[in-house]
Amino acid sequence: MKEIVQDGASILREVAELVPESMFGTPELKALIATMTDALDQELEGVALAAPQIGVPYRVFIVRKDRTLPPEPEGTVATIPPVPVIEVYVNPEIVKTSKKRALADEGCLSVRGVYGTTSRHERATVRARTIDGSKFERGRGGLMAQIFEHEIDHLNGILFIDHAEHLVHLHHEPVA
């Protein structure tokens, strides 16, 4: 499994490259998405991952939709766990945001043990492409808008700690 790159690695501070036209629909792009998916699947608290976080300088991110769902109400009988659903965003760009912003708690798989408060747009619309090159637009609010901004920041060499406030550093001691 590919390790998730940590803060301090130069690739996290670089602007990622566009996926070239020749790569759409290829086994190479499908393999990249599979590698990203495997890495994200190992991180139970992770909801999304950008390609630079596994050391690949392309403008790609994925979202595990089943991990973005609100928790079941207390007292609800356990249901079958949601099936993992991966959304793929190739060469994404934010094309529209709400004027209204909201404060949100945030963390990052590439900045382990650090959490803070960020100001993100309440809604964001992303234009991107699928693995086969089809174009699409997706507008979302709340957590998904936050994810769009967080992941596109990664593709632009920005980490949430660059603009977060009230940073908290948690250190987990190994269980004996």
C-alpha atoms as a PDB file:
ATOM      1  CA  MET A   1       0.000   0.000   0.000  1.00  0.00           C
ATOM      2  CA  LYS A   2       1.143   3.540  -0.798  1.00  0.00           C
ATOM      3  CA  GLU A   3       2.014   5.631   2.252  1.00  0.00           C
ATOM      4  CA  ILE A   4       0.352   9.000   2.665  1.00  0.00           C
ATOM      5  CA  VAL A   5       2.922  11.776   2.315  1.00  0.00           C
ATOM      6  CA  GLN A   6       3.319  13.972   5.403  1.00  0.00           C
ATOM      7  CA  ASP A   7       3.806  17.712   5.907  1.00  0.00           C
ATOM      8  CA  GLY A   8       7.388  18.626   5.105  1.00  0.00           C
ATOM      9  CA  ALA A   9       7.458  16.691   1.818  1.00  0.00           C
ATOM     10  CA  SER A  10       8.063  19.116  -1.063  1.00  0.00           C
ATOM     11  CA  ILE A  11       5.336  17.588  -3.276  1.00  0.00           C
ATOM     12  CA  LEU A  12       2.681  18.888  -0.874  1.00  0.00           C
ATOM     13  CA  ARG A  13       3.845  22.458  -1.595  1.00  0.00           C
ATOM     14  CA  GLU A  14       3.934  22.164  -5.397  1.00  0.00           C
ATOM     15  CA  VAL A  15       1.163  23.035  -7.844  1.00  0.00           C
ATOM     16  CA  ALA A  16       0.043  19.714  -9.338  1.00  0.00           C
ATOM     17  CA  GLU A  17       0.084  19.153 -13.106  1.00  0.00           C
ATOM     18  CA  LEU A  18      -3.001  18.718 -15.275  1.00  0.00           C
ATOM     19  CA  VAL A  19      -3.673  15.119 -16.255  1.00  0.00           C
ATOM     20  CA  PRO A  20      -2.776  15.073 -19.971  1.00  0.00           C
ATOM     21  CA  GLU A  21      -5.410  14.225 -22.587  1.00  0.00           C
ATOM     22  CA  SER A  22      -3.478  11.102 -23.571  1.00  0.00           C
ATOM     23  CA  MET A  23      -3.937   9.655 -20.077  1.00  0.00           C
ATOM     24  CA  PHE A  24      -7.771   9.644 -19.967  1.00  0.00           C
ATOM     25  CA  GLY A  25      -9.241   6.151 -20.130  1.00  0.00           C
ATOM     26  CA  THR A  26      -5.847   4.470 -19.748  1.00  0.00           C
ATOM     27  CA  PRO A  27      -4.848   1.674 -17.379  1.00  0.00           C
ATOM     28  CA  GLU A  28      -2.315   4.155 -15.899  1.00  0.00           C
ATOM     29  CA  LEU A  29      -5.050   6.563 -14.731  1.00  0.00           C
ATOM     30  CA  LYS A  30      -7.232   3.691 -13.500  1.00  0.00           C
ATOM     31  CA  ALA A  31      -4.240   2.329 -11.543  1.00  0.00           C
ATOM     32  CA  LEU A  32      -3.644   5.746  -9.960  1.00  0.00           C
ATOM     33  CA  ILE A  33      -7.280   5.891  -8.812  1.00  0.00           C
ATOM     34  CA  ALA A  34      -7.049   2.321  -7.472  1.00  0.00           C
ATOM     35  CA  THR A  35      -3.870   3.189  -5.542  1.00  0.00           C
ATOM     36  CA  MET A  36      -5.488   6.326  -4.111  1.00  0.00           C
ATOM     37  CA  THR A  37      -8.588   4.336  -3.160  1.00  0.00           C
ATOM     38  CA  ASP A  38      -6.507   1.674  -1.386  1.00  0.00           C
ATOM     39  CA  ALA A  39      -4.605   4.355   0.543  1.00  0.00           C
ATOM     40  CA  LEU A  40      -7.835   6.126   1.558  1.00  0.00           C
ATOM     41  CA  ASP A  41      -9.540   2.865   2.527  1.00  0.00           C
ATOM     42  CA  GLN A  42      -6.781   2.277   5.112  1.00  0.00           C
ATOM     43  CA  GLU A  43      -7.534   5.605   6.807  1.00  0.00           C
ATOM     44  CA  LEU A  44     -10.837   5.170   8.625  1.00  0.00           C
ATOM     45  CA  GLU A  45     -11.108   8.866   9.482  1.00  0.00           C
ATOM     46  CA  GLY A  46     -10.343   9.965   5.910  1.00  0.00           C
ATOM     47  CA  VAL A  47     -13.064  11.142   3.542  1.00  0.00           C
ATOM     48  CA  ALA A  48     -10.987  12.345   0.587  1.00  0.00           C
ATOM     49  CA  LEU A  49      -7.476  12.191  -0.842  1.00  0.00           C
ATOM     50  CA  ALA A  50      -5.537  14.174  -3.450  1.00  0.00           C
ATOM     51  CA  ALA A  51      -2.926  12.554  -5.706  1.00  0.00           C
ATOM     52  CA  PRO A  52      -0.022  14.625  -4.262  1.00  0.00           C
ATOM     53  CA  GLN A  53      -0.791  13.027  -0.886  1.00  0.00           C
ATOM     54  CA  ILE A  54       0.506   9.732  -2.283  1.00  0.00           C
ATOM     55  CA  GLY A  55       3.429  11.412  -4.045  1.00  0.00           C
ATOM     56  CA  VAL A  56       1.849  11.794  -7.502  1.00  0.00           C
ATOM     57  CA  PRO A  57       1.885  15.361  -8.913  1.00  0.00           C
ATOM     58  CA  TYR A  58      -1.389  15.191 -10.870  1.00  0.00           C
ATOM     59  CA  ARG A  59      -4.577  17.225 -10.406  1.00  0.00           C
ATOM     60  CA  VAL A  60      -6.779  14.386  -9.157  1.00  0.00           C
ATOM     61  CA  PHE A  61      -8.733  13.840  -5.972  1.00  0.00           C
ATOM     62  CA  ILE A  62     -11.190  11.227  -4.772  1.00  0.00           C
ATOM     63  CA  VAL A  63     -14.002  11.313  -2.205  1.00  0.00           C
ATOM     64  CA  ARG A  64     -15.372   8.331  -0.247  1.00  0.00           C
ATOM     65  CA  LYS A  65     -19.042   9.309  -0.380  1.00  0.00           C
ATOM     66  CA  ASP A  66     -20.114   6.696   2.186  1.00  0.00           C
ATOM     67  CA  ARG A  67     -17.924   8.469   4.769  1.00  0.00           C
ATOM     68  CA  THR A  68     -19.569  11.834   4.155  1.00  0.00           C
ATOM     69  CA  LEU A  69     -23.015  10.668   5.240  1.00  0.00           C
ATOM     70  CA  PRO A  70     -24.388  11.960   8.548  1.00  0.00           C
ATOM     71  CA  PRO A  71     -24.296   9.445  11.417  1.00  0.00           C
ATOM     72  CA  GLU A  72     -27.368   7.330  12.139  1.00  0.00           C
ATOM     73  CA  PRO A  73     -29.623   8.917  14.788  1.00  0.00           C
ATOM     74  CA  GLU A  74     -29.052   7.545  18.275  1.00  0.00           C
ATOM     75  CA  GLY A  75     -31.260   4.563  19.039  1.00  0.00           C
ATOM     76  CA  THR A  76     -31.503   3.554  15.379  1.00  0.00           C
ATOM     77  CA  VAL A  77     -31.184  -0.165  14.742  1.00  0.00           C
ATOM     78  CA  ALA A  78     -27.888  -0.923  12.992  1.00  0.00           C
ATOM     79  CA  THR A  79     -28.277  -1.211   9.259  1.00  0.00           C
ATOM     80  CA  ILE A  80     -26.022  -2.712   6.650  1.00  0.00           C
ATOM     81  CA  PRO A  81     -22.940  -0.482   6.355  1.00  0.00           C
ATOM     82  CA  PRO A  82     -23.017   1.749   3.278  1.00  0.00           C
ATOM     83  CA  VAL A  83     -21.166   0.423   0.250  1.00  0.00           C
ATOM     84  CA  PRO A  84     -17.954   2.349  -0.421  1.00  0.00           C
ATOM     85  CA  VAL A  85     -18.633   4.801  -3.227  1.00  0.00           C
ATOM     86  CA  ILE A  86     -15.670   6.629  -4.712  1.00  0.00           C
ATOM     87  CA  GLU A  87     -16.177   9.846  -6.649  1.00  0.00           C
ATOM     88  CA  VAL A  88     -13.267  10.800  -8.902  1.00  0.00           C
ATOM     89  CA  TYR A  89     -12.408  14.392  -9.836  1.00  0.00           C
ATOM     90  CA  VAL A  90      -9.751  14.782 -12.557  1.00  0.00           C
ATOM     91  CA  ASN A  91      -8.387  18.269 -13.367  1.00  0.00           C
ATOM     92  CA  PRO A  92     -10.949  19.878 -11.038  1.00  0.00           C
ATOM     93  CA  GLU A  93     -11.500  23.577 -10.688  1.00  0.00           C
ATOM     94  CA  ILE A  94     -13.865  25.539  -8.500  1.00  0.00           C
ATOM     95  CA  VAL A  95     -16.109  27.546 -10.810  1.00  0.00           C
ATOM     96  CA  LYS A  96     -18.523  29.047  -8.295  1.00  0.00           C
ATOM     97  CA  THR A  97     -18.729  29.619  -4.543  1.00  0.00           C
ATOM     98  CA  SER A  98     -21.288  31.113  -2.224  1.00  0.00           C
ATOM     99  CA  LYS A  99     -20.555  34.517  -0.755  1.00  0.00           C
ATOM    100  CA  LYS A 100     -21.442  33.144   2.656  1.00  0.00           C
ATOM    101  CA  ARG A 101     -18.717  31.318   4.542  1.00  0.00           C
ATOM    102  CA  ALA A 102     -18.819  29.071   7.584  1.00  0.00           C
ATOM    103  CA  LEU A 103     -16.294  28.017  10.188  1.00  0.00           C
ATOM    104  CA  ALA A 104     -15.509  24.319  10.076  1.00  0.00           C
ATOM    105  CA  ASP A 105     -13.324  21.943  12.054  1.00  0.00           C
ATOM    106  CA  GLU A 106     -10.713  20.416   9.803  1.00  0.00           C
ATOM    107  CA  GLY A 107      -7.873  17.926   9.796  1.00  0.00           C
ATOM    108  CA  CYS A 108      -5.762  16.268   7.129  1.00  0.00           C
ATOM    109  CA  LEU A 109      -4.258  12.840   6.525  1.00  0.00           C
ATOM    110  CA  SER A 110      -1.005  14.589   5.529  1.00  0.00           C
ATOM    111  CA  VAL A 111      -0.860  16.614   8.770  1.00  0.00           C
ATOM    112  CA  ARG A 112      -1.519  13.894  11.311  1.00  0.00           C
ATOM    113  CA  GLY A 113      -2.653  14.857  14.771  1.00  0.00           C
ATOM    114  CA  VAL A 114      -3.299  18.509  13.920  1.00  0.00           C
ATOM    115  CA  TYR A 115      -6.785  19.978  13.800  1.00  0.00           C
ATOM    116  CA  GLY A 116      -8.030  23.517  13.442  1.00  0.00           C
ATOM    117  CA  THR A 117     -10.852  25.788  12.379  1.00  0.00           C
ATOM    118  CA  THR A 118     -11.062  26.973   8.787  1.00  0.00           C
ATOM    119  CA  SER A 119     -13.331  29.447   7.042  1.00  0.00           C
ATOM    120  CA  ARG A 120     -14.800  27.761   3.961  1.00  0.00           C
ATOM    121  CA  HIS A 121     -17.542  28.705   1.527  1.00  0.00           C
ATOM    122  CA  GLU A 122     -20.913  27.219   2.456  1.00  0.00           C
ATOM    123  CA  ARG A 123     -21.394  26.068  -1.150  1.00  0.00           C
ATOM    124  CA  ALA A 124     -18.966  25.331  -3.970  1.00  0.00           C
ATOM    125  CA  THR A 125     -19.327  24.126  -7.532  1.00  0.00           C
ATOM    126  CA  VAL A 126     -16.550  22.104  -9.139  1.00  0.00           C
ATOM    127  CA  ARG A 127     -16.015  21.425 -12.825  1.00  0.00           C
ATOM    128  CA  ALA A 128     -13.955  18.293 -13.442  1.00  0.00           C
ATOM    129  CA  ARG A 129     -13.549  15.224 -15.607  1.00  0.00           C
ATOM    130  CA  THR A 130     -14.058  11.513 -15.034  1.00  0.00           C
ATOM    131  CA  ILE A 131     -11.478   8.787 -15.610  1.00  0.00           C
ATOM    132  CA  ASP A 132     -12.662   8.423 -19.213  1.00  0.00           C
ATOM    133  CA  GLY A 133     -12.483  12.189 -19.793  1.00  0.00           C
ATOM    134  CA  SER A 134     -16.194  13.071 -19.606  1.00  0.00           C
ATOM    135  CA  LYS A 135     -16.789  16.558 -18.208  1.00  0.00           C
ATOM    136  CA  PHE A 136     -19.159  17.232 -15.315  1.00  0.00           C
ATOM    137  CA  GLU A 137     -20.071  19.896 -12.789  1.00  0.00           C
ATOM    138  CA  ARG A 138     -21.078  19.213  -9.229  1.00  0.00           C
ATOM    139  CA  GLY A 139     -22.350  21.799  -6.763  1.00  0.00           C
ATOM    140  CA  ARG A 140     -22.538  20.921  -3.067  1.00  0.00           C
ATOM    141  CA  GLY A 141     -22.866  22.521   0.322  1.00  0.00           C
ATOM    142  CA  GLY A 142     -21.654  21.771   3.817  1.00  0.00           C
ATOM    143  CA  LEU A 143     -19.051  19.045   4.200  1.00  0.00           C
ATOM    144  CA  MET A 144     -18.761  18.412   0.451  1.00  0.00           C
ATOM    145  CA  ALA A 145     -18.065  22.104  -0.257  1.00  0.00           C
ATOM    146  CA  GLN A 146     -15.393  21.977   2.459  1.00  0.00           C
ATOM    147  CA  ILE A 147     -13.902  18.837   0.881  1.00  0.00           C
ATOM    148  CA  PHE A 148     -13.838  20.466  -2.575  1.00  0.00           C
ATOM    149  CA  GLU A 149     -11.900  23.449  -1.229  1.00  0.00           C
ATOM    150  CA  HIS A 150      -9.558  21.341   0.941  1.00  0.00           C
ATOM    151  CA  GLU A 151      -8.630  18.950  -1.884  1.00  0.00           C
ATOM    152  CA  ILE A 152      -8.188  21.670  -4.516  1.00  0.00           C
ATOM    153  CA  ASP A 153      -5.976  23.498  -2.010  1.00  0.00           C
ATOM    154  CA  HIS A 154      -3.809  20.326  -1.995  1.00  0.00           C
ATOM    155  CA  LEU A 155      -3.573  20.491  -5.787  1.00  0.00           C
ATOM    156  CA  ASN A 156      -2.364  24.095  -5.452  1.00  0.00           C
ATOM    157  CA  GLY A 157       0.299  23.319  -2.819  1.00  0.00           C
ATOM    158  CA  ILE A 158      -1.745  24.666   0.100  1.00  0.00           C
ATOM    159  CA  LEU A 159      -2.338  22.833   3.392  1.00  0.00           C
ATOM    160  CA  PHE A 160      -5.232  23.640   5.711  1.00  0.00           C
ATOM    161  CA  ILE A 161      -2.734  24.632   8.427  1.00  0.00           C
ATOM    162  CA  ASP A 162      -1.703  27.571   6.217  1.00  0.00           C
ATOM    163  CA  HIS A 163      -4.980  29.346   6.990  1.00  0.00           C
ATOM    164  CA  ALA A 164      -6.571  27.471   9.908  1.00  0.00           C
ATOM    165  CA  GLU A 165      -6.981  29.051  13.317  1.00  0.00           C
ATOM    166  CA  HIS A 166      -6.989  27.564  16.786  1.00  0.00           C
ATOM    167  CA  LEU A 167      -4.660  24.705  15.817  1.00  0.00           C
ATOM    168  CA  VAL A 168      -4.637  21.796  18.237  1.00  0.00           C
ATOM    169  CA  HIS A 169      -1.871  19.182  18.211  1.00  0.00           C
ATOM    170  CA  LEU A 170      -2.966  15.775  19.447  1.00  0.00           C
ATOM    171  CA  HIS A 171      -0.328  13.198  20.237  1.00  0.00           C
ATOM    172  CA  HIS A 172      -1.485   9.621  20.489  1.00  0.00           C
ATOM    173  CA  GLU A 173       0.540   7.407  22.761  1.00  0.00           C
ATOM    174  CA  PRO A 174       0.889   3.797  21.607  1.00  0.00           C
ATOM    175  CA  VAL A 175      -1.290   1.388  23.554  1.00  0.00           C
ATOM    176  CA  ALA A 176       0.839  -1.035  25.560  1.00  0.00           C
END
